[in-house]
C-alpha atoms as a PDB file:
ATOM      1  CA  UNK A   1     -19.344  -7.867  15.281  1.00  0.00           C
ATOM      2  CA  UNK A   2     -17.824  -5.158  12.156  1.00  0.00           C
ATOM      3  CA  UNK A   3     -14.688  -6.828  11.535  1.00  0.00           C
ATOM      4  CA  UNK A   4     -11.967  -4.595   9.273  1.00  0.00           C
ATOM      5  CA  UNK A   5     -10.445  -5.041   6.318  1.00  0.00           C
ATOM      6  CA  UNK A   6      -7.289  -6.327   5.765  1.00  0.00           C
ATOM      7  CA  UNK A   7      -4.856  -4.489   3.752  1.00  0.00           C
ATOM      8  CA  UNK A   8      -2.869  -6.507   0.940  1.00  0.00           C
ATOM      9  CA  UNK A   9       0.269  -6.577   1.194  1.00  0.00           C
ATOM     10  CA  UNK A  10       3.540  -7.690  -0.560  1.00  0.00           C
ATOM     11  CA  UNK A  11       7.479  -7.713   0.180  1.00  0.00           C
ATOM     12  CA  UNK A  12       9.635  -7.475  -2.700  1.00  0.00           C
ATOM     13  CA  UNK A  13      13.349  -7.204  -1.587  1.00  0.00           C
ATOM     14  CA  UNK A  14      16.476  -9.052  -1.627  1.00  0.00           C
ATOM     15  CA  UNK A  15      17.704  -9.612   1.348  1.00  0.00           C
ATOM     16  CA  UNK A  16      16.095 -12.328   3.214  1.00  0.00           C
ATOM     17  CA  UNK A  17      16.384 -10.782   6.427  1.00  0.00           C
ATOM     18  CA  UNK A  18      15.232  -8.042   6.171  1.00  0.00           C
ATOM     19  CA  UNK A  19      11.745  -9.369   4.499  1.00  0.00           C
ATOM     20  CA  UNK A  20      11.684 -11.505   7.951  1.00  0.00           C
ATOM     21  CA  UNK A  21      11.798  -8.604  10.040  1.00  0.00           C
ATOM     22  CA  UNK A  22       9.327  -6.629   8.253  1.00  0.00           C
ATOM     23  CA  UNK A  23       6.819 -10.181   7.290  1.00  0.00           C
ATOM     24  CA  UNK A  24       6.999 -10.400  11.380  1.00  0.00           C
ATOM     25  CA  UNK A  25       6.173  -6.321  11.455  1.00  0.00           C
ATOM     26  CA  UNK A  26       2.888  -7.447   8.874  1.00  0.00           C
ATOM     27  CA  UNK A  27       1.873  -9.986  10.942  1.00  0.00           C
ATOM     28  CA  UNK A  28       2.040  -7.786  14.263  1.00  0.00           C
ATOM     29  CA  UNK A  29      -0.275  -5.038  13.090  1.00  0.00           C
ATOM     30  CA  UNK A  30      -3.987  -6.366  13.106  1.00  0.00           C
ATOM     31  CA  UNK A  31      -4.635  -4.436   9.862  1.00  0.00           C
ATOM     32  CA  UNK A  32      -2.164  -5.906   7.440  1.00  0.00           C
ATOM     33  CA  UNK A  33      -1.394  -9.077   5.973  1.00  0.00           C
ATOM     34  CA  UNK A  34       0.939 -11.015   4.080  1.00  0.00           C
ATOM     35  CA  UNK A  35      -0.215 -11.342   0.362  1.00  0.00           C
ATOM     36  CA  UNK A  36       2.890 -11.550  -1.274  1.00  0.00           C
ATOM     37  CA  UNK A  37       6.974 -11.972  -0.701  1.00  0.00           C
ATOM     38  CA  UNK A  38       8.978 -12.312  -3.433  1.00  0.00           C
ATOM     39  CA  UNK A  39      12.414 -10.964  -4.779  1.00  0.00           C
ATOM     40  CA  UNK A  40      12.523 -11.089  -8.641  1.00  0.00           C
ATOM     41  CA  UNK A  41      10.467  -8.238 -10.091  1.00  0.00           C
ATOM     42  CA  UNK A  42       8.872 -10.647 -12.182  1.00  0.00           C
ATOM     43  CA  UNK A  43       7.021 -13.047 -10.127  1.00  0.00           C
ATOM     44  CA  UNK A  44       6.485  -9.459  -7.618  1.00  0.00           C
ATOM     45  CA  UNK A  45       4.755  -8.129 -10.496  1.00  0.00           C
ATOM     46  CA  UNK A  46       2.577 -10.781 -11.331  1.00  0.00           C
ATOM     47  CA  UNK A  47       1.299 -11.469  -7.887  1.00  0.00           C
ATOM     48  CA  UNK A  48       0.584  -8.051  -7.663  1.00  0.00           C
ATOM     49  CA  UNK A  49      -2.239  -8.329  -9.694  1.00  0.00           C
ATOM     50  CA  UNK A  50      -2.917 -11.983  -9.145  1.00  0.00           C
ATOM     51  CA  UNK A  51      -3.168 -11.214  -5.269  1.00  0.00           C
ATOM     52  CA  UNK A  52      -4.440  -7.489  -5.268  1.00  0.00           C
ATOM     53  CA  UNK A  53      -1.225  -5.899  -3.422  1.00  0.00           C
ATOM     54  CA  UNK A  54      -2.824  -2.973  -1.998  1.00  0.00           C
ATOM     55  CA  UNK A  55       0.466  -2.310  -0.112  1.00  0.00           C
ATOM     56  CA  UNK A  56       4.432  -3.156  -1.464  1.00  0.00           C
ATOM     57  CA  UNK A  57       7.286  -3.291   0.363  1.00  0.00           C
ATOM     58  CA  UNK A  58      10.446  -2.691  -1.839  1.00  0.00           C
ATOM     59  CA  UNK A  59      13.840  -2.967  -0.951  1.00  0.00           C
ATOM     60  CA  UNK A  60      15.863   0.023  -3.107  1.00  0.00           C
ATOM     61  CA  UNK A  61      19.190  -1.926  -4.044  1.00  0.00           C
ATOM     62  CA  UNK A  62      22.533   0.626  -6.459  1.00  0.00           C
ATOM     63  CA  UNK A  63      20.018  -0.754  -9.200  1.00  0.00           C
ATOM     64  CA  UNK A  64      17.683   2.714  -9.084  1.00  0.00           C
ATOM     65  CA  UNK A  65      16.795   2.171 -13.053  1.00  0.00           C
ATOM     66  CA  UNK A  66      15.697  -1.117 -12.194  1.00  0.00           C
ATOM     67  CA  UNK A  67      13.411  -0.100  -9.624  1.00  0.00           C
ATOM     68  CA  UNK A  68      11.703   2.819 -12.250  1.00  0.00           C
ATOM     69  CA  UNK A  69      10.950   0.141 -14.489  1.00  0.00           C
ATOM     70  CA  UNK A  70       9.645  -1.803 -11.565  1.00  0.00           C
ATOM     71  CA  UNK A  71       8.052   1.069 -10.490  1.00  0.00           C
ATOM     72  CA  UNK A  72       6.341   1.829 -13.686  1.00  0.00           C
ATOM     73  CA  UNK A  73       5.118  -1.434 -14.510  1.00  0.00           C
ATOM     74  CA  UNK A  74       3.098  -1.536 -10.743  1.00  0.00           C
ATOM     75  CA  UNK A  75      -0.206  -0.541 -11.217  1.00  0.00           C
ATOM     76  CA  UNK A  76      -1.286   3.281  -9.583  1.00  0.00           C
ATOM     77  CA  UNK A  77      -3.158   1.967  -6.557  1.00  0.00           C
ATOM     78  CA  UNK A  78      -0.131   0.472  -4.888  1.00  0.00           C
ATOM     79  CA  UNK A  79       1.263   2.306  -2.315  1.00  0.00           C
ATOM     80  CA  UNK A  80       5.109   1.833  -1.545  1.00  0.00           C
ATOM     81  CA  UNK A  81       6.797   1.566   1.009  1.00  0.00           C
ATOM     82  CA  UNK A  82      10.492   1.714  -0.109  1.00  0.00           C
ATOM     83  CA  UNK A  83      12.954   0.616   2.409  1.00  0.00           C
ATOM     84  CA  UNK A  84      17.002   0.436   2.273  1.00  0.00           C
ATOM     85  CA  UNK A  85      20.053   1.184   4.663  1.00  0.00           C
ATOM     86  CA  UNK A  86      20.952   4.514   2.264  1.00  0.00           C
ATOM     87  CA  UNK A  87      19.451   7.352   3.999  1.00  0.00           C
ATOM     88  CA  UNK A  88      19.917   9.430   0.200  1.00  0.00           C
ATOM     89  CA  UNK A  89      17.926   7.185  -1.291  1.00  0.00           C
ATOM     90  CA  UNK A  90      15.011   8.740   0.765  1.00  0.00           C
ATOM     91  CA  UNK A  91      14.369  11.640  -1.739  1.00  0.00           C
ATOM     92  CA  UNK A  92      14.409   9.005  -4.793  1.00  0.00           C
ATOM     93  CA  UNK A  93      11.549   7.064  -2.995  1.00  0.00           C
ATOM     94  CA  UNK A  94       9.913  10.398  -2.958  1.00  0.00           C
ATOM     95  CA  UNK A  95      10.629  11.109  -7.115  1.00  0.00           C
ATOM     96  CA  UNK A  96       8.847   8.072  -6.842  1.00  0.00           C
ATOM     97  CA  UNK A  97       5.737   8.448  -5.856  1.00  0.00           C
ATOM     98  CA  UNK A  98       6.690   6.366  -2.417  1.00  0.00           C
ATOM     99  CA  UNK A  99       3.829   6.630   0.094  1.00  0.00           C
ATOM    100  CA  UNK A 100       6.729   7.132   2.612  1.00  0.00           C
ATOM    101  CA  UNK A 101      10.392   5.325   3.076  1.00  0.00           C
ATOM    102  CA  UNK A 102      11.856   2.581   6.030  1.00  0.00           C
ATOM    103  CA  UNK A 103      15.370   1.848   6.473  1.00  0.00           C
ATOM    104  CA  UNK A 104      15.769  -1.880   7.426  1.00  0.00           C
ATOM    105  CA  UNK A 105      16.625  -1.530  10.541  1.00  0.00           C
ATOM    106  CA  UNK A 106      13.587   1.254  12.523  1.00  0.00           C
ATOM    107  CA  UNK A 107      11.157   0.093  15.003  1.00  0.00           C
ATOM    108  CA  UNK A 108       7.831  -1.515  14.527  1.00  0.00           C
ATOM    109  CA  UNK A 109       6.298   1.621  15.635  1.00  0.00           C
ATOM    110  CA  UNK A 110       7.952   3.258  12.833  1.00  0.00           C
ATOM    111  CA  UNK A 111       6.357   1.011  10.694  1.00  0.00           C
ATOM    112  CA  UNK A 112       3.433   1.267  12.313  1.00  0.00           C
ATOM    113  CA  UNK A 113       3.481   5.494  11.819  1.00  0.00           C
ATOM    114  CA  UNK A 114       4.066   4.370   7.953  1.00  0.00           C
ATOM    115  CA  UNK A 115       1.533   1.253   7.919  1.00  0.00           C
ATOM    116  CA  UNK A 116      -1.105   4.429   9.568  1.00  0.00           C
ATOM    117  CA  UNK A 117      -0.634   6.079   6.887  1.00  0.00           C
ATOM    118  CA  UNK A 118      -2.008   3.689   4.079  1.00  0.00           C
ATOM    119  CA  UNK A 119      -4.811   2.526   6.240  1.00  0.00           C
ATOM    120  CA  UNK A 120      -5.737   7.133   5.918  1.00  0.00           C
ATOM    121  CA  UNK A 121      -4.989   6.985   2.331  1.00  0.00           C
ATOM    122  CA  UNK A 122      -7.154   3.652   1.303  1.00  0.00           C
ATOM    123  CA  UNK A 123      -9.728   4.592   3.730  1.00  0.00           C
ATOM    124  CA  UNK A 124      -9.857   7.719   2.011  1.00  0.00           C
ATOM    125  CA  UNK A 125     -10.082   5.921  -1.436  1.00  0.00           C
ATOM    126  CA  UNK A 126     -13.374   3.284  -0.786  1.00  0.00           C
ATOM    127  CA  UNK A 127     -16.409   5.136  -1.059  1.00  0.00           C
ATOM    128  CA  UNK A 128     -18.780   3.648   2.137  1.00  0.00           C
ATOM    129  CA  UNK A 129     -21.370   3.256   1.067  1.00  0.00           C
ATOM    130  CA  UNK A 130     -22.574   3.605  -2.409  1.00  0.00           C
ATOM    131  CA  UNK A 131     -25.749   6.230  -2.413  1.00  0.00           C
ATOM    132  CA  UNK A 132     -28.516   4.362  -2.922  1.00  0.00           C
ATOM    133  CA  UNK A 133     -31.038   8.397  -3.760  1.00  0.00           C
ATOM    134  CA  UNK A 134     -30.742  11.945  -3.586  1.00  0.00           C
ATOM    135  CA  UNK A 135     -33.518  14.516  -2.487  1.00  0.00           C
ATOM    136  CA  UNK A 136     -34.218  16.758  -5.476  1.00  0.00           C
ATOM    137  CA  UNK A 137     -36.057  20.571  -4.189  1.00  0.00           C
ATOM    138  CA  UNK A 138     -39.466  20.608  -7.041  1.00  0.00           C
ATOM    139  CA  UNK A 139     -40.705  24.306  -5.724  1.00  0.00           C
ATOM    140  CA  UNK A 140     -41.671  24.100  -2.076  1.00  0.00           C
ATOM    141  CA  UNK A 141     -40.800  19.844  -1.365  1.00  0.00           C
ATOM    142  CA  UNK A 142     -38.244  18.045  -1.499  1.00  0.00           C
ATOM    143  CA  UNK A 143     -38.541  14.695  -3.707  1.00  0.00           C
ATOM    144  CA  UNK A 144     -36.815  11.659  -2.855  1.00  0.00           C
ATOM    145  CA  UNK A 145     -36.038   9.767  -6.240  1.00  0.00           C
ATOM    146  CA  UNK A 146     -34.536   6.159  -5.780  1.00  0.00           C
ATOM    147  CA  UNK A 147     -31.280   4.489  -7.896  1.00  0.00           C
ATOM    148  CA  UNK A 148     -32.096   1.516  -9.817  1.00  0.00           C
END
């Protein structure tokens, strides 16, 4: 039986209630797994690297300069979904190359839509299978060449 690879997630938010809410959403989602959760940026950066986080749910507070700095230090392969109760932060988040923007009060259905975006993007990045051969047409024959 085929087992789906789970997307490794991280939560970086200073509000514990919001972190808990999104932790529960991740637990409810069959293709997500929570790998790391922190409130400090230095710990989160290190943990993202060590745990190979693929999807980060990141809270935006009043310090956009700090968030910009934090995001610039993250591996560029990590998809980021920003969370803020201030809807005007949505514009800022997409300037930081966000996958999506969520409000802390969004329903599980809205969260799942965002998670599905990540699943689609990651499936596009991951090669299905490495080719072991190519076919070449030579005169009137087709020749199969195997890779070493």
